[in-house]
């Protein structure tokens, strides 16, 4: 039925906000940063960019607001770079531990 307010949100939108929010809240108890947390952080930055751009244009091109916008952009880029470096390092550690050579037998023990 169209316009039925009793319809389940998961049937209307399979990737609903509730499941996304659950993933973000569950990531609090997990080590590292998962994709839901990273997406949430990026969407928050996009909202900040939109607010600061609107404020910049609405304030008559105020240079202070432009400086805040540039700082927010640099912070977003630096944070994403840092998270990607953490991910790369964890991959290197996994690769290093999986390719660890077997210990050679000690000739003195024979």
C-alpha atoms as a PDB file:
ATOM      1  CA  UNK A   1       0.000   0.000   0.000  1.00  0.00           C
ATOM      2  CA  UNK A   2       1.439   3.342  -1.006  1.00  0.00           C
ATOM      3  CA  UNK A   3       1.915   5.836   1.833  1.00  0.00           C
ATOM      4  CA  UNK A   4       1.433   3.243   4.564  1.00  0.00           C
ATOM      5  CA  UNK A   5       3.282   4.628   7.572  1.00  0.00           C
ATOM      6  CA  UNK A   6       3.285   1.210   9.231  1.00  0.00           C
ATOM      7  CA  UNK A   7       5.646  -0.302   6.632  1.00  0.00           C
ATOM      8  CA  UNK A   8       8.934  -1.539   7.994  1.00  0.00           C
ATOM      9  CA  UNK A   9      11.863   0.768   7.170  1.00  0.00           C
ATOM     10  CA  UNK A  10      14.055  -2.206   6.222  1.00  0.00           C
ATOM     11  CA  UNK A  11      11.537  -3.242   3.548  1.00  0.00           C
ATOM     12  CA  UNK A  12      11.419   0.277   2.133  1.00  0.00           C
ATOM     13  CA  UNK A  13      15.188   0.875   2.151  1.00  0.00           C
ATOM     14  CA  UNK A  14      17.353  -2.249   2.550  1.00  0.00           C
ATOM     15  CA  UNK A  15      20.442  -0.211   3.534  1.00  0.00           C
ATOM     16  CA  UNK A  16      18.548   1.773   6.115  1.00  0.00           C
ATOM     17  CA  UNK A  17      19.914   4.404   8.439  1.00  0.00           C
ATOM     18  CA  UNK A  18      19.346   2.176  11.470  1.00  0.00           C
ATOM     19  CA  UNK A  19      21.614  -0.602  10.196  1.00  0.00           C
ATOM     20  CA  UNK A  20      24.259   1.936   9.206  1.00  0.00           C
ATOM     21  CA  UNK A  21      24.086   3.559  12.627  1.00  0.00           C
ATOM     22  CA  UNK A  22      24.351   0.148  14.285  1.00  0.00           C
ATOM     23  CA  UNK A  23      27.546  -0.553  12.322  1.00  0.00           C
ATOM     24  CA  UNK A  24      29.048   2.752  13.440  1.00  0.00           C
ATOM     25  CA  UNK A  25      28.125   2.167  17.086  1.00  0.00           C
ATOM     26  CA  UNK A  26      29.360  -1.436  16.984  1.00  0.00           C
ATOM     27  CA  UNK A  27      32.709  -0.230  15.647  1.00  0.00           C
ATOM     28  CA  UNK A  28      33.342   1.428  19.017  1.00  0.00           C
ATOM     29  CA  UNK A  29      34.096  -2.009  20.435  1.00  0.00           C
ATOM     30  CA  UNK A  30      36.283  -3.123  17.534  1.00  0.00           C
ATOM     31  CA  UNK A  31      39.921  -2.425  16.897  1.00  0.00           C
ATOM     32  CA  UNK A  32      40.766  -0.062  14.065  1.00  0.00           C
ATOM     33  CA  UNK A  33      38.535   1.892  11.736  1.00  0.00           C
ATOM     34  CA  UNK A  34      35.940   0.102   9.656  1.00  0.00           C
ATOM     35  CA  UNK A  35      34.239   1.360   6.517  1.00  0.00           C
ATOM     36  CA  UNK A  36      31.085   2.510   8.335  1.00  0.00           C
ATOM     37  CA  UNK A  37      33.101   4.731  10.657  1.00  0.00           C
ATOM     38  CA  UNK A  38      35.148   6.122   7.787  1.00  0.00           C
ATOM     39  CA  UNK A  39      32.004   6.845   5.763  1.00  0.00           C
ATOM     40  CA  UNK A  40      30.399   8.553   8.764  1.00  0.00           C
ATOM     41  CA  UNK A  41      33.495  10.710   9.237  1.00  0.00           C
ATOM     42  CA  UNK A  42      33.579  11.656   5.554  1.00  0.00           C
ATOM     43  CA  UNK A  43      29.865  12.527   5.480  1.00  0.00           C
ATOM     44  CA  UNK A  44      30.405  14.704   8.539  1.00  0.00           C
ATOM     45  CA  UNK A  45      33.233  16.503   6.769  1.00  0.00           C
ATOM     46  CA  UNK A  46      31.034  16.983   3.680  1.00  0.00           C
ATOM     47  CA  UNK A  47      28.355  18.564   5.874  1.00  0.00           C
ATOM     48  CA  UNK A  48      31.005  20.830   7.415  1.00  0.00           C
ATOM     49  CA  UNK A  49      32.192  21.840   3.935  1.00  0.00           C
ATOM     50  CA  UNK A  50      28.626  22.669   2.916  1.00  0.00           C
ATOM     51  CA  UNK A  51      28.033  24.773   6.037  1.00  0.00           C
ATOM     52  CA  UNK A  52      31.333  26.630   5.721  1.00  0.00           C
ATOM     53  CA  UNK A  53      30.844  27.237   1.985  1.00  0.00           C
ATOM     54  CA  UNK A  54      27.373  28.627   2.629  1.00  0.00           C
ATOM     55  CA  UNK A  55      28.719  30.778   5.449  1.00  0.00           C
ATOM     56  CA  UNK A  56      31.585  31.967   3.245  1.00  0.00           C
ATOM     57  CA  UNK A  57      29.242  32.996   0.445  1.00  0.00           C
ATOM     58  CA  UNK A  58      26.657  34.426   2.836  1.00  0.00           C
ATOM     59  CA  UNK A  59      29.165  36.494   4.790  1.00  0.00           C
ATOM     60  CA  UNK A  60      30.340  38.444   1.795  1.00  0.00           C
ATOM     61  CA  UNK A  61      33.440  36.305   1.105  1.00  0.00           C
ATOM     62  CA  UNK A  62      34.897  36.696   4.592  1.00  0.00           C
ATOM     63  CA  UNK A  63      38.544  35.591   4.634  1.00  0.00           C
ATOM     64  CA  UNK A  64      38.262  34.170   8.154  1.00  0.00           C
ATOM     65  CA  UNK A  65      35.568  31.747   7.011  1.00  0.00           C
ATOM     66  CA  UNK A  66      37.665  30.880   3.959  1.00  0.00           C
ATOM     67  CA  UNK A  67      40.572  30.040   6.286  1.00  0.00           C
ATOM     68  CA  UNK A  68      38.269  27.773   8.321  1.00  0.00           C
ATOM     69  CA  UNK A  69      37.075  26.076   5.135  1.00  0.00           C
ATOM     70  CA  UNK A  70      40.644  25.473   3.976  1.00  0.00           C
ATOM     71  CA  UNK A  71      41.611  24.115   7.397  1.00  0.00           C
ATOM     72  CA  UNK A  72      38.642  21.729   7.307  1.00  0.00           C
ATOM     73  CA  UNK A  73      39.657  20.513   3.841  1.00  0.00           C
ATOM     74  CA  UNK A  74      43.244  19.931   4.960  1.00  0.00           C
ATOM     75  CA  UNK A  75      42.038  18.134   8.098  1.00  0.00           C
ATOM     76  CA  UNK A  76      39.794  15.858   6.019  1.00  0.00           C
ATOM     77  CA  UNK A  77      42.608  15.013   3.603  1.00  0.00           C
ATOM     78  CA  UNK A  78      45.117  14.414   6.407  1.00  0.00           C
ATOM     79  CA  UNK A  79      42.713  12.188   8.330  1.00  0.00           C
ATOM     80  CA  UNK A  80      41.906  10.076   5.280  1.00  0.00           C
ATOM     81  CA  UNK A  81      45.597   9.804   4.429  1.00  0.00           C
ATOM     82  CA  UNK A  82      46.417   8.692   7.987  1.00  0.00           C
ATOM     83  CA  UNK A  83      43.688   6.045   7.981  1.00  0.00           C
ATOM     84  CA  UNK A  84      44.904   4.725   4.618  1.00  0.00           C
ATOM     85  CA  UNK A  85      48.470   4.525   5.972  1.00  0.00           C
ATOM     86  CA  UNK A  86      47.231   2.597   9.017  1.00  0.00           C
ATOM     87  CA  UNK A  87      45.468   0.183   6.687  1.00  0.00           C
ATOM     88  CA  UNK A  88      48.574  -0.262   4.535  1.00  0.00           C
ATOM     89  CA  UNK A  89      50.728  -0.876   7.578  1.00  0.00           C
ATOM     90  CA  UNK A  90      48.323  -3.504   8.908  1.00  0.00           C
ATOM     91  CA  UNK A  91      48.479  -5.238   5.511  1.00  0.00           C
ATOM     92  CA  UNK A  92      52.288  -5.144   5.632  1.00  0.00           C
ATOM     93  CA  UNK A  93      52.276  -6.640   9.125  1.00  0.00           C
ATOM     94  CA  UNK A  94      49.914  -9.432   8.056  1.00  0.00           C
ATOM     95  CA  UNK A  95      52.042 -10.145   4.998  1.00  0.00           C
ATOM     96  CA  UNK A  96      55.212 -10.139   7.079  1.00  0.00           C
ATOM     97  CA  UNK A  97      53.759 -12.516   9.674  1.00  0.00           C
ATOM     98  CA  UNK A  98      52.363 -14.906   7.036  1.00  0.00           C
ATOM     99  CA  UNK A  99      55.665 -15.101   5.133  1.00  0.00           C
ATOM    100  CA  UNK A 100      57.710 -15.629   8.268  1.00  0.00           C
ATOM    101  CA  UNK A 101      60.307 -18.360   7.580  1.00  0.00           C
ATOM    102  CA  UNK A 102      60.322 -21.480   9.701  1.00  0.00           C
ATOM    103  CA  UNK A 103      62.994 -21.486  12.408  1.00  0.00           C
ATOM    104  CA  UNK A 104      66.086 -23.494  11.563  1.00  0.00           C
ATOM    105  CA  UNK A 105      66.807 -26.427  13.857  1.00  0.00           C
ATOM    106  CA  UNK A 106      69.602 -25.901  16.324  1.00  0.00           C
ATOM    107  CA  UNK A 107      72.525 -28.247  15.469  1.00  0.00           C
ATOM    108  CA  UNK A 108      73.633 -28.359  19.125  1.00  0.00           C
ATOM    109  CA  UNK A 109      70.376 -29.975  20.213  1.00  0.00           C
ATOM    110  CA  UNK A 110      70.934 -33.037  17.972  1.00  0.00           C
END
